[in-house]
Amino acid sequence: MNRGGLYYLMIPLLLFTSLLQSTTAARLKIAGIKPDLVLLLVIVGALLYGGRPGILWGFIGGLGLDIFSGGPLGASSLALMAAAMVASVGHRPLFRFNIFVPLGAAALGTFVYASVYLLILGILNTAGLFERSLPLFETMRDIVLPATLYNTALMLLALPVLNRMPESQDV
């Protein structure tokens, strides 16, 4: 089993990125949308090393996001784990060196992440545990779609680095 350097650095990197996203990522806003750095890191990890590590990293990165941002504990973890499962499809069968695989993983991963997170917030709102209601259509149009485009553009910029990273040899 060939594990690259990123594999062993992922947990501290995710926790640092969670802190960075919760504090300074607001400076990277474009049209009111900030990048999902932890999500992109989890997607890259799932593409390089597969679903099992990706799901674990999604759980850890989500806990970091929820702790540093004050969101409902576990909501980001569940959403990131779902995004890692979707992105891990590109680990072996679709081959990540095809430009459409990482871009599709970023786009679909962002959409799945946001959808699961919004579903959790809706459930918490219905149960009376979350005080805000979010208009679903407007949230998808004004936040999720632009975030999907932003994260996909960032993945495009990250492709030269991603394609140089060693991947696991697991099938």
N, C-alpha and C. Protein backbone atom coordinates (compact mmCIF):
# COMPACT_ATOMS: atom_id res chain seq x y z
N MET A 1 0.85 -1.17 0.00
CA MET A 1 0.00 0.00 0.00
C MET A 1 0.90 1.23 0.00
N ASN A 2 0.82 2.03 -1.03
CA ASN A 2 1.63 3.23 -1.17
C ASN A 2 0.85 4.43 -0.65
N ARG A 3 1.29 5.00 0.41
CA ARG A 3 0.65 6.18 0.98
C ARG A 3 1.57 7.37 0.77
N GLY A 4 1.04 8.43 0.17
CA GLY A 4 1.82 9.63 -0.06
C GLY A 4 1.92 10.47 1.21
N GLY A 5 2.69 11.53 1.14
CA GLY A 5 2.88 12.40 2.29
C GLY A 5 1.62 13.08 2.76
N LEU A 6 0.71 13.38 1.85
CA LEU A 6 -0.54 14.04 2.23
C LEU A 6 -1.40 13.16 3.12
N TYR A 7 -1.33 11.85 2.92
CA TYR A 7 -2.16 10.92 3.68
C TYR A 7 -1.95 11.10 5.18
N TYR A 8 -0.71 11.17 5.60
CA TYR A 8 -0.41 11.25 7.03
C TYR A 8 -0.54 12.67 7.59
N LEU A 9 -0.52 13.66 6.74
CA LEU A 9 -0.67 15.03 7.20
C LEU A 9 -2.12 15.52 7.18
N MET A 10 -3.02 14.69 6.69
CA MET A 10 -4.38 15.14 6.43
C MET A 10 -5.12 15.61 7.68
N ILE A 11 -5.02 14.89 8.79
CA ILE A 11 -5.78 15.28 9.97
C ILE A 11 -5.33 16.64 10.51
N PRO A 12 -4.02 16.87 10.74
CA PRO A 12 -3.65 18.21 11.19
C PRO A 12 -3.95 19.29 10.14
N LEU A 13 -3.80 18.94 8.87
CA LEU A 13 -4.10 19.88 7.80
C LEU A 13 -5.59 20.24 7.79
N LEU A 14 -6.45 19.25 8.00
CA LEU A 14 -7.89 19.51 8.05
C LEU A 14 -8.26 20.40 9.23
N LEU A 15 -7.66 20.15 10.38
CA LEU A 15 -7.97 20.98 11.56
C LEU A 15 -7.48 22.41 11.35
N PHE A 16 -6.29 22.55 10.79
CA PHE A 16 -5.78 23.89 10.49
C PHE A 16 -6.67 24.58 9.46
N THR A 17 -7.07 23.86 8.42
CA THR A 17 -7.92 24.44 7.38
C THR A 17 -9.30 24.79 7.93
N SER A 18 -9.80 24.00 8.88
CA SER A 18 -11.08 24.33 9.53
C SER A 18 -10.98 25.66 10.27
N LEU A 19 -9.89 25.84 10.98
CA LEU A 19 -9.66 27.11 11.68
C LEU A 19 -9.51 28.25 10.68
N LEU A 20 -8.75 28.03 9.63
CA LEU A 20 -8.56 29.03 8.59
C LEU A 20 -9.88 29.41 7.93
N GLN A 21 -10.69 28.40 7.60
CA GLN A 21 -11.97 28.67 6.95
C GLN A 21 -12.91 29.44 7.88
N SER A 22 -12.87 29.13 9.15
CA SER A 22 -13.77 29.80 10.10
C SER A 22 -13.33 31.20 10.45
N THR A 23 -12.07 31.52 10.19
CA THR A 23 -11.58 32.84 10.60
C THR A 23 -11.24 33.76 9.43
N THR A 24 -10.42 33.29 8.50
CA THR A 24 -9.92 34.20 7.47
C THR A 24 -10.43 33.94 6.06
N ALA A 25 -11.17 32.88 5.85
CA ALA A 25 -11.66 32.60 4.48
C ALA A 25 -12.65 33.65 4.01
N ALA A 26 -13.23 34.40 4.96
CA ALA A 26 -14.16 35.47 4.57
C ALA A 26 -13.46 36.52 3.71
N ARG A 27 -12.16 36.61 3.82
CA ARG A 27 -11.40 37.57 2.99
C ARG A 27 -11.30 37.11 1.54
N LEU A 28 -11.63 35.85 1.29
CA LEU A 28 -11.59 35.31 -0.07
C LEU A 28 -12.97 35.33 -0.74
N LYS A 29 -13.90 36.07 -0.15
CA LYS A 29 -15.25 36.11 -0.69
C LYS A 29 -15.28 36.75 -2.07
N ILE A 30 -16.08 36.16 -2.92
CA ILE A 30 -16.38 36.74 -4.23
C ILE A 30 -17.90 36.76 -4.33
N ALA A 31 -18.45 37.94 -4.51
CA ALA A 31 -19.91 38.12 -4.59
C ALA A 31 -20.61 37.54 -3.35
N GLY A 32 -19.98 37.68 -2.19
CA GLY A 32 -20.58 37.22 -0.96
C GLY A 32 -20.41 35.74 -0.67
N ILE A 33 -19.73 35.01 -1.54
CA ILE A 33 -19.54 33.57 -1.37
C ILE A 33 -18.08 33.29 -1.04
N LYS A 34 -17.86 32.52 0.04
CA LYS A 34 -16.50 32.16 0.38
C LYS A 34 -16.25 30.70 0.00
N PRO A 35 -14.99 30.36 -0.25
CA PRO A 35 -14.67 28.99 -0.67
C PRO A 35 -14.81 28.01 0.50
N ASP A 36 -15.12 26.78 0.17
CA ASP A 36 -15.20 25.71 1.17
C ASP A 36 -13.88 24.95 1.15
N LEU A 37 -12.91 25.48 1.87
CA LEU A 37 -11.55 24.92 1.83
C LEU A 37 -11.49 23.51 2.38
N VAL A 38 -12.21 23.26 3.47
CA VAL A 38 -12.20 21.92 4.07
C VAL A 38 -12.86 20.93 3.11
N LEU A 39 -13.96 21.32 2.51
CA LEU A 39 -14.63 20.46 1.54
C LEU A 39 -13.70 20.10 0.40
N LEU A 40 -13.00 21.08 -0.14
CA LEU A 40 -12.08 20.81 -1.25
C LEU A 40 -10.95 19.89 -0.83
N LEU A 41 -10.46 20.05 0.38
CA LEU A 41 -9.39 19.19 0.88
C LEU A 41 -9.90 17.75 1.05
N VAL A 42 -11.11 17.59 1.54
CA VAL A 42 -11.71 16.26 1.69
C VAL A 42 -11.91 15.62 0.32
N ILE A 43 -12.37 16.40 -0.65
CA ILE A 43 -12.57 15.88 -2.00
C ILE A 43 -11.25 15.44 -2.62
N VAL A 44 -10.21 16.25 -2.46
CA VAL A 44 -8.88 15.88 -2.97
C VAL A 44 -8.41 14.59 -2.30
N GLY A 45 -8.59 14.50 -0.98
CA GLY A 45 -8.20 13.29 -0.27
C GLY A 45 -8.96 12.06 -0.75
N ALA A 46 -10.26 12.21 -0.99
CA ALA A 46 -11.07 11.08 -1.48
C ALA A 46 -10.65 10.68 -2.89
N LEU A 47 -10.30 11.65 -3.71
CA LEU A 47 -9.83 11.33 -5.06
C LEU A 47 -8.48 10.60 -5.03
N LEU A 48 -7.62 11.00 -4.13
CA LEU A 48 -6.28 10.40 -4.06
C LEU A 48 -6.27 9.05 -3.35
N TYR A 49 -7.04 8.93 -2.27
CA TYR A 49 -6.90 7.76 -1.40
C TYR A 49 -8.17 6.93 -1.25
N GLY A 50 -9.26 7.35 -1.84
CA GLY A 50 -10.47 6.54 -1.81
C GLY A 50 -11.47 6.96 -0.76
N GLY A 51 -12.54 6.19 -0.69
CA GLY A 51 -13.68 6.53 0.13
C GLY A 51 -13.48 6.38 1.63
N ARG A 52 -12.86 5.31 2.06
CA ARG A 52 -12.71 5.09 3.51
C ARG A 52 -11.94 6.22 4.19
N PRO A 53 -10.74 6.54 3.71
CA PRO A 53 -10.04 7.67 4.34
C PRO A 53 -10.79 8.98 4.13
N GLY A 54 -11.42 9.15 2.96
CA GLY A 54 -12.17 10.37 2.68
C GLY A 54 -13.30 10.59 3.66
N ILE A 55 -14.02 9.52 4.00
CA ILE A 55 -15.12 9.63 4.95
C ILE A 55 -14.59 9.97 6.34
N LEU A 56 -13.50 9.33 6.74
CA LEU A 56 -12.88 9.66 8.04
C LEU A 56 -12.45 11.12 8.08
N TRP A 57 -11.81 11.57 7.00
CA TRP A 57 -11.36 12.96 6.95
C TRP A 57 -12.54 13.92 6.91
N GLY A 58 -13.63 13.54 6.26
CA GLY A 58 -14.84 14.36 6.26
C GLY A 58 -15.39 14.51 7.67
N PHE A 59 -15.38 13.42 8.42
CA PHE A 59 -15.86 13.46 9.80
C PHE A 59 -15.00 14.40 10.65
N ILE A 60 -13.70 14.26 10.55
CA ILE A 60 -12.78 15.08 11.35
C ILE A 60 -12.84 16.54 10.91
N GLY A 61 -12.80 16.79 9.61
CA GLY A 61 -12.87 18.16 9.12
C GLY A 61 -14.19 18.83 9.50
N GLY A 62 -15.28 18.06 9.46
CA GLY A 62 -16.59 18.60 9.85
C GLY A 62 -16.65 18.95 11.32
N LEU A 63 -16.07 18.11 12.16
CA LEU A 63 -16.03 18.45 13.59
C LEU A 63 -15.24 19.74 13.82
N GLY A 64 -14.13 19.86 13.10
CA GLY A 64 -13.34 21.09 13.22
C GLY A 64 -14.15 22.30 12.78
N LEU A 65 -14.85 22.18 11.66
CA LEU A 65 -15.69 23.30 11.19
C LEU A 65 -16.76 23.66 12.21
N ASP A 66 -17.44 22.66 12.74
CA ASP A 66 -18.52 22.92 13.68
C ASP A 66 -18.00 23.51 14.98
N ILE A 67 -16.85 23.06 15.42
CA ILE A 67 -16.29 23.60 16.67
C ILE A 67 -15.84 25.04 16.48
N PHE A 68 -15.15 25.31 15.38
CA PHE A 68 -14.61 26.66 15.16
C PHE A 68 -15.66 27.65 14.69
N SER A 69 -16.73 27.18 14.05
CA SER A 69 -17.72 28.11 13.52
C SER A 69 -18.95 28.24 14.40
N GLY A 70 -19.15 27.32 15.30
CA GLY A 70 -20.33 27.38 16.16
C GLY A 70 -21.58 26.80 15.52
N GLY A 71 -21.43 26.06 14.45
CA GLY A 71 -22.58 25.42 13.80
C GLY A 71 -23.05 24.24 14.62
N PRO A 72 -24.18 23.66 14.23
CA PRO A 72 -24.68 22.48 14.95
C PRO A 72 -23.65 21.35 14.87
N LEU A 73 -23.24 20.85 16.02
CA LEU A 73 -22.19 19.85 16.08
C LEU A 73 -22.60 18.58 15.34
N GLY A 74 -21.80 18.20 14.37
CA GLY A 74 -22.04 17.00 13.60
C GLY A 74 -22.64 17.26 12.22
N ALA A 75 -23.24 18.43 12.03
CA ALA A 75 -23.88 18.72 10.74
C ALA A 75 -22.85 18.78 9.61
N SER A 76 -21.77 19.47 9.83
CA SER A 76 -20.73 19.56 8.80
C SER A 76 -20.08 18.21 8.58
N SER A 77 -19.92 17.43 9.64
CA SER A 77 -19.32 16.10 9.50
C SER A 77 -20.16 15.22 8.59
N LEU A 78 -21.45 15.16 8.85
CA LEU A 78 -22.33 14.33 8.01
C LEU A 78 -22.32 14.81 6.57
N ALA A 79 -22.35 16.11 6.38
CA ALA A 79 -22.36 16.66 5.02
C ALA A 79 -21.04 16.39 4.30
N LEU A 80 -19.91 16.54 4.99
CA LEU A 80 -18.61 16.26 4.38
C LEU A 80 -18.41 14.78 4.10
N MET A 81 -18.95 13.92 4.98
CA MET A 81 -18.85 12.49 4.74
C MET A 81 -19.63 12.10 3.49
N ALA A 82 -20.79 12.70 3.29
CA ALA A 82 -21.57 12.43 2.08
C ALA A 82 -20.82 12.91 0.84
N ALA A 83 -20.21 14.08 0.93
CA ALA A 83 -19.44 14.61 -0.21
C ALA A 83 -18.23 13.73 -0.50
N ALA A 84 -17.59 13.20 0.54
CA ALA A 84 -16.43 12.31 0.33
C ALA A 84 -16.87 11.02 -0.37
N MET A 85 -18.03 10.50 -0.01
CA MET A 85 -18.52 9.29 -0.68
C MET A 85 -18.74 9.54 -2.16
N VAL A 86 -19.32 10.69 -2.48
CA VAL A 86 -19.57 11.02 -3.89
C VAL A 86 -18.24 11.21 -4.63
N ALA A 87 -17.31 11.92 -4.02
CA ALA A 87 -16.03 12.21 -4.69
C ALA A 87 -15.18 10.96 -4.85
N SER A 88 -15.32 10.00 -3.94
CA SER A 88 -14.47 8.81 -3.99
C SER A 88 -14.76 7.94 -5.21
N VAL A 89 -15.87 8.18 -5.87
CA VAL A 89 -16.16 7.43 -7.10
C VAL A 89 -15.06 7.68 -8.13
N GLY A 90 -14.45 8.85 -8.10
CA GLY A 90 -13.38 9.19 -9.04
C GLY A 90 -12.02 8.67 -8.64
N HIS A 91 -11.94 7.94 -7.54
CA HIS A 91 -10.63 7.45 -7.05
C HIS A 91 -9.97 6.51 -8.04
N ARG A 92 -10.62 5.49 -8.46
CA ARG A 92 -10.01 4.52 -9.36
C ARG A 92 -10.75 4.36 -10.68
N PRO A 93 -12.02 4.02 -10.64
CA PRO A 93 -12.68 3.64 -11.90
C PRO A 93 -12.68 4.76 -12.95
N LEU A 94 -12.81 6.00 -12.55
CA LEU A 94 -12.90 7.07 -13.52
C LEU A 94 -11.58 7.79 -13.77
N PHE A 95 -10.58 7.49 -12.97
CA PHE A 95 -9.23 8.03 -13.14
C PHE A 95 -9.17 9.54 -12.98
N ARG A 96 -8.55 9.97 -11.93
CA ARG A 96 -8.56 11.38 -11.56
C ARG A 96 -7.75 12.29 -12.48
N PHE A 97 -6.92 11.75 -13.36
CA PHE A 97 -6.15 12.61 -14.26
C PHE A 97 -6.99 13.15 -15.40
N ASN A 98 -8.16 12.61 -15.60
CA ASN A 98 -9.11 13.18 -16.55
C ASN A 98 -9.65 14.46 -15.92
N ILE A 99 -9.54 15.57 -16.59
CA ILE A 99 -9.90 16.88 -16.02
C ILE A 99 -11.34 16.92 -15.51
N PHE A 100 -12.22 16.16 -16.13
CA PHE A 100 -13.63 16.20 -15.74
C PHE A 100 -13.90 15.50 -14.40
N VAL A 101 -13.05 14.59 -14.00
CA VAL A 101 -13.27 13.86 -12.75
C VAL A 101 -13.10 14.78 -11.54
N PRO A 102 -11.96 15.47 -11.37
CA PRO A 102 -11.85 16.37 -10.21
C PRO A 102 -12.84 17.54 -10.26
N LEU A 103 -13.08 18.06 -11.47
CA LEU A 103 -14.04 19.17 -11.57
C LEU A 103 -15.45 18.69 -11.25
N GLY A 104 -15.81 17.53 -11.74
CA GLY A 104 -17.12 16.96 -11.42
C GLY A 104 -17.23 16.61 -9.94
N ALA A 105 -16.13 16.10 -9.37
CA ALA A 105 -16.14 15.78 -7.94
C ALA A 105 -16.31 17.04 -7.10
N ALA A 106 -15.67 18.13 -7.51
CA ALA A 106 -15.82 19.39 -6.77
C ALA A 106 -17.24 19.92 -6.89
N ALA A 107 -17.79 19.90 -8.09
CA ALA A 107 -19.14 20.42 -8.30
C ALA A 107 -20.18 19.56 -7.58
N LEU A 108 -20.14 18.24 -7.82
CA LEU A 108 -21.12 17.35 -7.20
C LEU A 108 -20.91 17.28 -5.70
N GLY A 109 -19.65 17.27 -5.27
CA GLY A 109 -19.36 17.24 -3.83
C GLY A 109 -19.88 18.48 -3.12
N THR A 110 -19.73 19.65 -3.75
CA THR A 110 -20.25 20.88 -3.16
C THR A 110 -21.77 20.83 -3.07
N PHE A 111 -22.41 20.37 -4.13
CA PHE A 111 -23.87 20.29 -4.15
C PHE A 111 -24.37 19.31 -3.09
N VAL A 112 -23.75 18.15 -2.98
CA VAL A 112 -24.15 17.15 -1.97
C VAL A 112 -23.91 17.69 -0.57
N TYR A 113 -22.74 18.28 -0.36
CA TYR A 113 -22.42 18.87 0.95
C TYR A 113 -23.47 19.89 1.37
N ALA A 114 -23.78 20.82 0.47
CA ALA A 114 -24.75 21.87 0.80
C ALA A 114 -26.14 21.29 1.00
N SER A 115 -26.53 20.33 0.19
CA SER A 115 -27.86 19.74 0.30
C SER A 115 -28.03 19.00 1.62
N VAL A 116 -27.03 18.20 1.99
CA VAL A 116 -27.11 17.47 3.27
C VAL A 116 -27.10 18.45 4.43
N TYR A 117 -26.26 19.47 4.36
CA TYR A 117 -26.20 20.46 5.45
C TYR A 117 -27.53 21.19 5.59
N LEU A 118 -28.11 21.59 4.46
CA LEU A 118 -29.41 22.27 4.51
C LEU A 118 -30.51 21.34 5.01
N LEU A 119 -30.45 20.07 4.64
CA LEU A 119 -31.42 19.10 5.14
C LEU A 119 -31.33 18.97 6.66
N ILE A 120 -30.12 18.90 7.17
CA ILE A 120 -29.93 18.81 8.62
C ILE A 120 -30.46 20.06 9.31
N LEU A 121 -30.16 21.24 8.76
CA LEU A 121 -30.67 22.48 9.35
C LEU A 121 -32.20 22.50 9.30
N GLY A 122 -32.79 22.00 8.22
CA GLY A 122 -34.25 21.94 8.12
C GLY A 122 -34.84 21.02 9.17
N ILE A 123 -34.21 19.88 9.38
CA ILE A 123 -34.69 18.94 10.41
C ILE A 123 -34.58 19.57 11.79
N LEU A 124 -33.46 20.22 12.06
CA LEU A 124 -33.29 20.88 13.35
C LEU A 124 -34.29 22.02 13.53
N ASN A 125 -34.60 22.73 12.46
CA ASN A 125 -35.59 23.81 12.52
C ASN A 125 -36.97 23.25 12.81
N THR A 126 -37.33 22.16 12.14
CA THR A 126 -38.63 21.53 12.36
C THR A 126 -38.76 21.03 13.79
N ALA A 127 -37.66 20.51 14.33
CA ALA A 127 -37.67 20.01 15.71
C ALA A 127 -37.58 21.13 16.73
N GLY A 128 -37.44 22.37 16.28
CA GLY A 128 -37.35 23.50 17.20
C GLY A 128 -35.97 23.70 17.79
N LEU A 129 -34.96 23.06 17.23
CA LEU A 129 -33.60 23.15 17.76
C LEU A 129 -32.75 24.18 17.02
N PHE A 130 -33.29 24.74 15.96
CA PHE A 130 -32.59 25.75 15.17
C PHE A 130 -33.59 26.85 14.90
N GLU A 131 -33.23 28.09 15.24
CA GLU A 131 -34.21 29.18 15.24
C GLU A 131 -34.46 29.81 13.88
N ARG A 132 -33.71 29.50 12.88
CA ARG A 132 -33.87 30.15 11.58
C ARG A 132 -34.47 29.20 10.56
N SER A 133 -35.32 29.74 9.73
CA SER A 133 -35.75 28.95 8.60
C SER A 133 -35.08 29.52 7.35
N LEU A 134 -34.64 28.65 6.49
CA LEU A 134 -33.96 29.07 5.27
C LEU A 134 -34.88 28.81 4.09
N PRO A 135 -35.12 29.82 3.28
CA PRO A 135 -35.90 29.57 2.07
C PRO A 135 -35.06 28.71 1.11
N LEU A 136 -35.55 27.53 0.83
CA LEU A 136 -34.76 26.54 0.10
C LEU A 136 -34.37 27.00 -1.30
N PHE A 137 -35.31 27.46 -2.08
CA PHE A 137 -35.01 27.84 -3.46
C PHE A 137 -34.00 28.99 -3.50
N GLU A 138 -34.22 30.01 -2.70
CA GLU A 138 -33.33 31.16 -2.69
C GLU A 138 -31.94 30.78 -2.19
N THR A 139 -31.89 29.90 -1.20
CA THR A 139 -30.59 29.46 -0.67
C THR A 139 -29.82 28.68 -1.73
N MET A 140 -30.52 27.81 -2.44
CA MET A 140 -29.86 27.03 -3.50
C MET A 140 -29.37 27.97 -4.62
N ARG A 141 -30.21 28.92 -5.00
CA ARG A 141 -29.88 29.83 -6.10
C ARG A 141 -28.78 30.82 -5.72
N ASP A 142 -28.89 31.40 -4.53
CA ASP A 142 -28.00 32.50 -4.15
C ASP A 142 -26.73 32.06 -3.44
N ILE A 143 -26.72 30.86 -2.87
CA ILE A 143 -25.54 30.42 -2.12
C ILE A 143 -24.94 29.15 -2.69
N VAL A 144 -25.77 28.11 -2.86
CA VAL A 144 -25.23 26.81 -3.27
C VAL A 144 -24.69 26.84 -4.69
N LEU A 145 -25.44 27.37 -5.62
CA LEU A 145 -24.96 27.42 -7.01
C LEU A 145 -23.68 28.25 -7.16
N PRO A 146 -23.62 29.47 -6.61
CA PRO A 146 -22.34 30.21 -6.70
C PRO A 146 -21.19 29.51 -5.98
N ALA A 147 -21.47 28.88 -4.83
CA ALA A 147 -20.41 28.15 -4.12
C ALA A 147 -19.92 26.97 -4.95
N THR A 148 -20.83 26.31 -5.65
CA THR A 148 -20.45 25.20 -6.52
C THR A 148 -19.52 25.68 -7.63
N LEU A 149 -19.85 26.81 -8.22
CA LEU A 149 -19.01 27.37 -9.28
C LEU A 149 -17.65 27.80 -8.73
N TYR A 150 -17.65 28.44 -7.57
CA TYR A 150 -16.41 28.91 -6.95
C TYR A 150 -15.49 27.74 -6.61
N ASN A 151 -16.05 26.71 -5.95
CA ASN A 151 -15.24 25.56 -5.57
C ASN A 151 -14.72 24.80 -6.79
N THR A 152 -15.53 24.73 -7.83
CA THR A 152 -15.08 24.06 -9.06
C THR A 152 -13.94 24.85 -9.71
N ALA A 153 -14.04 26.17 -9.70
CA ALA A 153 -12.96 27.01 -10.24
C ALA A 153 -11.68 26.84 -9.41
N LEU A 154 -11.81 26.75 -8.09
CA LEU A 154 -10.63 26.52 -7.25
C LEU A 154 -10.01 25.16 -7.53
N MET A 155 -10.87 24.15 -7.77
CA MET A 155 -10.34 22.83 -8.10
C MET A 155 -9.58 22.88 -9.43
N LEU A 156 -10.07 23.65 -10.37
CA LEU A 156 -9.37 23.81 -11.65
C LEU A 156 -7.98 24.40 -11.43
N LEU A 157 -7.89 25.38 -10.53
CA LEU A 157 -6.59 25.97 -10.21
C LEU A 157 -5.68 24.99 -9.48
N ALA A 158 -6.27 24.06 -8.73
CA ALA A 158 -5.49 23.10 -7.94
C ALA A 158 -5.07 21.87 -8.75
N LEU A 159 -5.60 21.71 -9.97
CA LEU A 159 -5.31 20.51 -10.76
C LEU A 159 -3.82 20.24 -10.98
N PRO A 160 -3.00 21.24 -11.29
CA PRO A 160 -1.57 20.92 -11.48
C PRO A 160 -0.93 20.31 -10.24
N VAL A 161 -1.31 20.78 -9.06
CA VAL A 161 -0.77 20.22 -7.82
C VAL A 161 -1.38 18.84 -7.58
N LEU A 162 -2.68 18.71 -7.77
CA LEU A 162 -3.36 17.43 -7.56
C LEU A 162 -2.77 16.33 -8.43
N ASN A 163 -2.49 16.64 -9.65
CA ASN A 163 -1.98 15.62 -10.57
C ASN A 163 -0.54 15.21 -10.27
N ARG A 164 0.14 15.93 -9.43
CA ARG A 164 1.51 15.56 -9.02
C ARG A 164 1.53 14.76 -7.73
N MET A 165 0.40 14.68 -7.06
CA MET A 165 0.34 13.98 -5.78
C MET A 165 0.29 12.47 -6.00
N PRO A 166 1.03 11.70 -5.17
CA PRO A 166 0.94 10.25 -5.29
C PRO A 166 -0.42 9.80 -4.75
N GLU A 167 -0.96 8.76 -5.37
CA GLU A 167 -2.25 8.22 -4.93
C GLU A 167 -2.03 6.84 -4.34
N SER A 168 -3.05 6.35 -3.65
CA SER A 168 -2.95 5.02 -3.08
C SER A 168 -3.06 4.01 -4.21
N GLN A 169 -2.50 2.85 -4.00
CA GLN A 169 -2.54 1.79 -5.01
C GLN A 169 -3.68 0.81 -4.74
N ASP A 170 -4.54 1.14 -3.76
CA ASP A 170 -5.69 0.29 -3.45
C ASP A 170 -6.67 0.34 -4.60
N VAL A 171 -7.30 -0.76 -4.87
CA VAL A 171 -8.31 -0.79 -5.94
C VAL A 171 -9.68 -0.91 -5.32
